[in-house]
Amino acid sequence: MRNKRQKVLKFRQDSGFSGGGMATIKVICTACGARMHNRKSVWQAPQLANLYYTCTNVECSETSVYELTHSHTVSPSGLGDKGLIKALLERLRPDEKQIALDWLQGQPG
């Protein structure tokens, strides 16, 4: 069960995205109108993915591929260069973090 505050983003072939929030993408089958379920996501690049959807109506079972891409930034990140580097370093394993820190300390100011 999803949080009551979480909104559903609906996708319809004729009208594009509707609804509010970016929590969930609801895809409607173009053949029968039933909800489609995401089976697989294949990332082609950091900001481009192919999403494979299958219709939940067993009698229909249509499978479709949708492209998800980053269009543009509405508000730039508040992290800045130092905050971004810190956020990226926090995601590394300890051995990777040490290699990155050694490399950064060898760089000019």
N, C-alpha and C. Protein backbone atom coordinates (compact mmCIF):
# COMPACT_ATOMS: atom_id res chain seq x y z
N MET A 1 0.85 -1.19 0.00
CA MET A 1 0.00 0.00 0.00
C MET A 1 0.88 1.24 0.00
N ARG A 2 0.57 2.18 -0.85
CA ARG A 2 1.41 3.36 -0.93
C ARG A 2 0.94 4.43 0.05
N ASN A 3 1.84 5.29 0.37
CA ASN A 3 1.58 6.41 1.27
C ASN A 3 0.47 7.29 0.69
N LYS A 4 -0.43 7.78 1.54
CA LYS A 4 -1.54 8.62 1.08
C LYS A 4 -1.05 9.90 0.42
N ARG A 5 0.13 10.38 0.82
CA ARG A 5 0.65 11.63 0.28
C ARG A 5 1.33 11.41 -1.07
N GLN A 6 1.63 10.15 -1.38
CA GLN A 6 2.29 9.83 -2.64
C GLN A 6 1.29 9.97 -3.79
N LYS A 7 1.68 10.67 -4.84
CA LYS A 7 0.79 10.88 -5.96
C LYS A 7 1.17 9.96 -7.11
N VAL A 8 0.21 9.65 -7.95
CA VAL A 8 0.43 8.78 -9.09
C VAL A 8 0.53 9.63 -10.35
N LEU A 9 1.57 9.38 -11.13
CA LEU A 9 1.73 10.06 -12.40
C LEU A 9 1.20 9.14 -13.48
N LYS A 10 0.19 9.56 -14.19
CA LYS A 10 -0.46 8.72 -15.19
C LYS A 10 0.09 9.04 -16.57
N PHE A 11 0.21 8.02 -17.39
CA PHE A 11 0.62 8.21 -18.77
C PHE A 11 -0.48 7.71 -19.68
N ARG A 12 -0.89 8.54 -20.59
CA ARG A 12 -1.87 8.15 -21.59
C ARG A 12 -1.29 8.48 -22.96
N GLN A 13 -1.46 7.57 -23.90
CA GLN A 13 -0.88 7.73 -25.23
C GLN A 13 -1.32 9.04 -25.88
N ASP A 14 -2.59 9.42 -25.71
CA ASP A 14 -3.11 10.59 -26.40
C ASP A 14 -2.81 11.91 -25.70
N SER A 15 -2.64 11.89 -24.38
CA SER A 15 -2.50 13.15 -23.66
C SER A 15 -1.17 13.32 -22.94
N GLY A 16 -0.27 12.34 -23.00
CA GLY A 16 1.01 12.45 -22.32
C GLY A 16 0.85 12.21 -20.83
N PHE A 17 1.76 12.79 -20.04
CA PHE A 17 1.72 12.59 -18.59
C PHE A 17 0.67 13.49 -17.97
N SER A 18 0.00 12.97 -16.95
CA SER A 18 -0.97 13.78 -16.22
C SER A 18 -0.86 13.42 -14.75
N GLY A 19 -1.55 14.14 -13.92
CA GLY A 19 -1.47 13.87 -12.49
C GLY A 19 -0.38 14.71 -11.88
N GLY A 20 -0.04 14.44 -10.63
CA GLY A 20 0.97 15.22 -9.96
C GLY A 20 1.99 14.32 -9.30
N GLY A 21 3.12 14.89 -8.97
CA GLY A 21 4.17 14.14 -8.30
C GLY A 21 4.92 13.24 -9.26
N MET A 22 6.03 12.71 -8.81
CA MET A 22 6.84 11.83 -9.65
C MET A 22 7.06 10.49 -8.97
N ALA A 23 6.17 10.10 -8.08
CA ALA A 23 6.38 8.89 -7.31
C ALA A 23 6.18 7.64 -8.15
N THR A 24 5.17 7.59 -8.97
CA THR A 24 4.82 6.41 -9.73
C THR A 24 4.39 6.81 -11.13
N ILE A 25 4.77 6.02 -12.11
CA ILE A 25 4.29 6.24 -13.48
C ILE A 25 3.22 5.18 -13.74
N LYS A 26 2.02 5.62 -14.02
CA LYS A 26 0.93 4.70 -14.33
C LYS A 26 0.75 4.69 -15.84
N VAL A 27 0.97 3.53 -16.45
CA VAL A 27 0.86 3.39 -17.89
C VAL A 27 -0.40 2.60 -18.21
N ILE A 28 -1.19 3.12 -19.12
CA ILE A 28 -2.45 2.48 -19.53
C ILE A 28 -2.24 1.80 -20.87
N CYS A 29 -2.72 0.56 -20.99
CA CYS A 29 -2.61 -0.22 -22.23
C CYS A 29 -3.40 0.47 -23.34
N THR A 30 -2.76 0.64 -24.50
CA THR A 30 -3.43 1.29 -25.63
C THR A 30 -4.43 0.36 -26.30
N ALA A 31 -4.32 -0.95 -26.06
CA ALA A 31 -5.22 -1.91 -26.70
C ALA A 31 -6.52 -2.10 -25.91
N CYS A 32 -6.41 -2.28 -24.57
CA CYS A 32 -7.61 -2.61 -23.80
C CYS A 32 -7.93 -1.61 -22.69
N GLY A 33 -7.00 -0.70 -22.36
CA GLY A 33 -7.26 0.30 -21.33
C GLY A 33 -6.92 -0.14 -19.92
N ALA A 34 -6.41 -1.37 -19.74
CA ALA A 34 -6.03 -1.84 -18.41
C ALA A 34 -4.67 -1.24 -18.03
N ARG A 35 -4.35 -1.33 -16.76
CA ARG A 35 -3.07 -0.83 -16.28
C ARG A 35 -1.95 -1.75 -16.75
N MET A 36 -0.81 -1.15 -17.09
CA MET A 36 0.36 -1.94 -17.49
C MET A 36 1.36 -1.96 -16.34
N HIS A 37 2.13 -3.04 -16.26
CA HIS A 37 3.10 -3.25 -15.19
C HIS A 37 4.51 -3.22 -15.77
N ASN A 38 5.41 -2.48 -15.10
CA ASN A 38 6.80 -2.41 -15.55
C ASN A 38 7.51 -3.71 -15.25
N ARG A 39 8.02 -4.37 -16.27
CA ARG A 39 8.71 -5.65 -16.12
C ARG A 39 10.22 -5.48 -16.07
N LYS A 40 10.74 -4.47 -16.78
CA LYS A 40 12.18 -4.33 -16.87
C LYS A 40 12.52 -2.90 -17.26
N SER A 41 13.65 -2.42 -16.75
CA SER A 41 14.19 -1.12 -17.14
C SER A 41 15.63 -1.33 -17.60
N VAL A 42 15.93 -0.87 -18.80
CA VAL A 42 17.28 -0.99 -19.35
C VAL A 42 17.83 0.42 -19.55
N TRP A 43 18.86 0.76 -18.77
CA TRP A 43 19.45 2.09 -18.84
C TRP A 43 20.43 2.15 -20.00
N GLN A 44 20.16 3.00 -20.98
CA GLN A 44 21.02 3.20 -22.13
C GLN A 44 22.13 4.20 -21.82
N ALA A 45 21.83 5.15 -20.95
CA ALA A 45 22.75 6.21 -20.52
C ALA A 45 22.25 6.67 -19.15
N PRO A 46 23.04 7.49 -18.42
CA PRO A 46 22.58 7.94 -17.10
C PRO A 46 21.23 8.64 -17.10
N GLN A 47 20.83 9.23 -18.22
CA GLN A 47 19.56 9.95 -18.27
C GLN A 47 18.62 9.42 -19.34
N LEU A 48 18.79 8.16 -19.75
CA LEU A 48 17.93 7.57 -20.77
C LEU A 48 17.71 6.09 -20.47
N ALA A 49 16.44 5.69 -20.39
CA ALA A 49 16.12 4.29 -20.11
C ALA A 49 15.00 3.81 -21.02
N ASN A 50 15.04 2.53 -21.37
CA ASN A 50 13.93 1.87 -22.04
C ASN A 50 13.16 1.11 -20.97
N LEU A 51 11.86 1.37 -20.86
CA LEU A 51 11.01 0.73 -19.86
C LEU A 51 10.09 -0.25 -20.57
N TYR A 52 10.13 -1.52 -20.15
CA TYR A 52 9.32 -2.56 -20.77
C TYR A 52 8.08 -2.78 -19.91
N TYR A 53 6.91 -2.60 -20.50
CA TYR A 53 5.63 -2.73 -19.80
C TYR A 53 4.81 -3.86 -20.40
N THR A 54 4.10 -4.60 -19.53
CA THR A 54 3.19 -5.66 -19.95
C THR A 54 1.81 -5.37 -19.38
N CYS A 55 0.78 -5.58 -20.19
CA CYS A 55 -0.60 -5.36 -19.77
C CYS A 55 -0.97 -6.35 -18.68
N THR A 56 -1.68 -5.87 -17.66
CA THR A 56 -2.11 -6.75 -16.57
C THR A 56 -3.34 -7.57 -16.93
N ASN A 57 -4.01 -7.22 -18.03
CA ASN A 57 -5.15 -8.00 -18.51
C ASN A 57 -4.59 -9.25 -19.20
N VAL A 58 -4.78 -10.43 -18.59
CA VAL A 58 -4.20 -11.68 -19.09
C VAL A 58 -4.63 -11.97 -20.52
N GLU A 59 -5.86 -11.64 -20.86
CA GLU A 59 -6.35 -11.91 -22.21
C GLU A 59 -5.68 -10.99 -23.24
N CYS A 60 -5.26 -9.82 -22.84
CA CYS A 60 -4.61 -8.88 -23.75
C CYS A 60 -3.10 -9.15 -23.81
N SER A 61 -2.43 -9.03 -22.68
CA SER A 61 -0.98 -9.30 -22.54
C SER A 61 -0.09 -8.53 -23.51
N GLU A 62 -0.51 -7.35 -23.92
CA GLU A 62 0.34 -6.54 -24.80
C GLU A 62 1.60 -6.13 -24.06
N THR A 63 2.73 -6.11 -24.76
CA THR A 63 4.00 -5.66 -24.20
C THR A 63 4.46 -4.47 -25.01
N SER A 64 4.89 -3.40 -24.32
CA SER A 64 5.32 -2.17 -24.99
C SER A 64 6.62 -1.68 -24.37
N VAL A 65 7.35 -0.91 -25.14
CA VAL A 65 8.58 -0.29 -24.66
C VAL A 65 8.39 1.22 -24.68
N TYR A 66 8.68 1.88 -23.56
CA TYR A 66 8.60 3.33 -23.45
C TYR A 66 10.00 3.86 -23.16
N GLU A 67 10.28 5.07 -23.63
CA GLU A 67 11.55 5.71 -23.34
C GLU A 67 11.36 6.74 -22.23
N LEU A 68 12.24 6.68 -21.25
CA LEU A 68 12.25 7.67 -20.18
C LEU A 68 13.54 8.46 -20.31
N THR A 69 13.42 9.77 -20.41
CA THR A 69 14.61 10.60 -20.59
C THR A 69 14.50 11.88 -19.75
N HIS A 70 15.64 12.44 -19.42
CA HIS A 70 15.69 13.71 -18.71
C HIS A 70 15.55 14.82 -19.74
N SER A 71 14.59 15.70 -19.54
CA SER A 71 14.34 16.78 -20.48
C SER A 71 15.19 18.01 -20.16
N HIS A 72 15.04 18.53 -18.96
CA HIS A 72 15.79 19.71 -18.55
C HIS A 72 15.70 19.88 -17.04
N THR A 73 16.57 20.70 -16.49
CA THR A 73 16.59 20.98 -15.06
C THR A 73 15.77 22.23 -14.79
N VAL A 74 14.84 22.13 -13.87
CA VAL A 74 14.00 23.27 -13.51
C VAL A 74 14.72 24.16 -12.51
N SER A 75 15.35 23.53 -11.51
CA SER A 75 16.09 24.26 -10.49
C SER A 75 17.42 23.55 -10.27
N PRO A 76 18.55 24.22 -10.46
CA PRO A 76 19.84 23.54 -10.31
C PRO A 76 20.09 23.09 -8.87
N SER A 77 20.95 22.11 -8.74
CA SER A 77 21.29 21.55 -7.44
C SER A 77 21.93 22.59 -6.54
N GLY A 78 21.62 22.51 -5.26
CA GLY A 78 22.21 23.40 -4.28
C GLY A 78 23.51 22.85 -3.72
N LEU A 79 23.94 21.68 -4.19
CA LEU A 79 25.15 21.07 -3.66
C LEU A 79 26.42 21.81 -4.05
N GLY A 80 26.49 22.34 -5.25
CA GLY A 80 27.73 22.95 -5.72
C GLY A 80 28.78 21.87 -5.93
N ASP A 81 29.98 22.28 -6.31
CA ASP A 81 31.03 21.31 -6.60
C ASP A 81 31.45 20.51 -5.38
N LYS A 82 31.70 21.19 -4.26
CA LYS A 82 32.17 20.48 -3.06
C LYS A 82 31.10 19.56 -2.49
N GLY A 83 29.87 20.02 -2.47
CA GLY A 83 28.78 19.19 -1.96
C GLY A 83 28.53 17.99 -2.83
N LEU A 84 28.67 18.16 -4.13
CA LEU A 84 28.48 17.05 -5.06
C LEU A 84 29.57 16.00 -4.88
N ILE A 85 30.82 16.44 -4.75
CA ILE A 85 31.92 15.50 -4.53
C ILE A 85 31.72 14.74 -3.24
N LYS A 86 31.31 15.44 -2.18
CA LYS A 86 31.07 14.78 -0.89
C LYS A 86 29.96 13.74 -1.02
N ALA A 87 28.87 14.09 -1.70
CA ALA A 87 27.75 13.16 -1.87
C ALA A 87 28.18 11.93 -2.66
N LEU A 88 29.00 12.12 -3.68
CA LEU A 88 29.48 10.99 -4.46
C LEU A 88 30.43 10.11 -3.66
N LEU A 89 31.32 10.72 -2.87
CA LEU A 89 32.26 9.95 -2.05
C LEU A 89 31.54 9.10 -1.01
N GLU A 90 30.43 9.61 -0.48
CA GLU A 90 29.68 8.86 0.54
C GLU A 90 29.07 7.58 -0.02
N ARG A 91 28.91 7.50 -1.33
CA ARG A 91 28.31 6.32 -1.96
C ARG A 91 29.33 5.23 -2.27
N LEU A 92 30.62 5.54 -2.12
CA LEU A 92 31.67 4.58 -2.46
C LEU A 92 31.96 3.62 -1.30
N ARG A 93 32.50 2.45 -1.67
CA ARG A 93 32.99 1.51 -0.66
C ARG A 93 34.25 2.11 -0.04
N PRO A 94 34.63 1.69 1.19
CA PRO A 94 35.80 2.28 1.85
C PRO A 94 37.08 2.24 1.01
N ASP A 95 37.35 1.12 0.33
CA ASP A 95 38.57 1.04 -0.48
C ASP A 95 38.51 2.00 -1.68
N GLU A 96 37.34 2.12 -2.30
CA GLU A 96 37.18 3.05 -3.42
C GLU A 96 37.28 4.50 -2.94
N LYS A 97 36.74 4.74 -1.75
CA LYS A 97 36.78 6.09 -1.18
C LYS A 97 38.22 6.53 -0.94
N GLN A 98 39.05 5.62 -0.43
CA GLN A 98 40.45 5.96 -0.16
C GLN A 98 41.20 6.26 -1.46
N ILE A 99 40.93 5.48 -2.50
CA ILE A 99 41.57 5.73 -3.81
C ILE A 99 41.17 7.11 -4.33
N ALA A 100 39.89 7.44 -4.22
CA ALA A 100 39.40 8.74 -4.69
C ALA A 100 40.01 9.89 -3.88
N LEU A 101 40.08 9.72 -2.56
CA LEU A 101 40.66 10.76 -1.71
C LEU A 101 42.13 10.97 -2.02
N ASP A 102 42.87 9.87 -2.21
CA ASP A 102 44.29 9.98 -2.57
C ASP A 102 44.45 10.73 -3.89
N TRP A 103 43.59 10.42 -4.85
CA TRP A 103 43.65 11.08 -6.15
C TRP A 103 43.32 12.57 -6.03
N LEU A 104 42.27 12.89 -5.25
CA LEU A 104 41.87 14.29 -5.08
C LEU A 104 42.95 15.11 -4.37
N GLN A 105 43.64 14.50 -3.40
CA GLN A 105 44.68 15.23 -2.66
C GLN A 105 45.90 15.51 -3.54
N GLY A 106 46.07 14.73 -4.59
CA GLY A 106 47.17 14.95 -5.52
C GLY A 106 46.87 16.01 -6.56
N GLN A 107 45.63 16.48 -6.62
CA GLN A 107 45.23 17.48 -7.61
C GLN A 107 45.55 18.89 -7.11
N PRO A 108 45.90 19.81 -8.02
CA PRO A 108 46.16 21.20 -7.59
C PRO A 108 44.88 21.88 -7.10
N GLY A 109 45.01 22.65 -6.02
CA GLY A 109 44.05 23.40 -5.29
C GLY A 109 42.75 23.68 -5.80
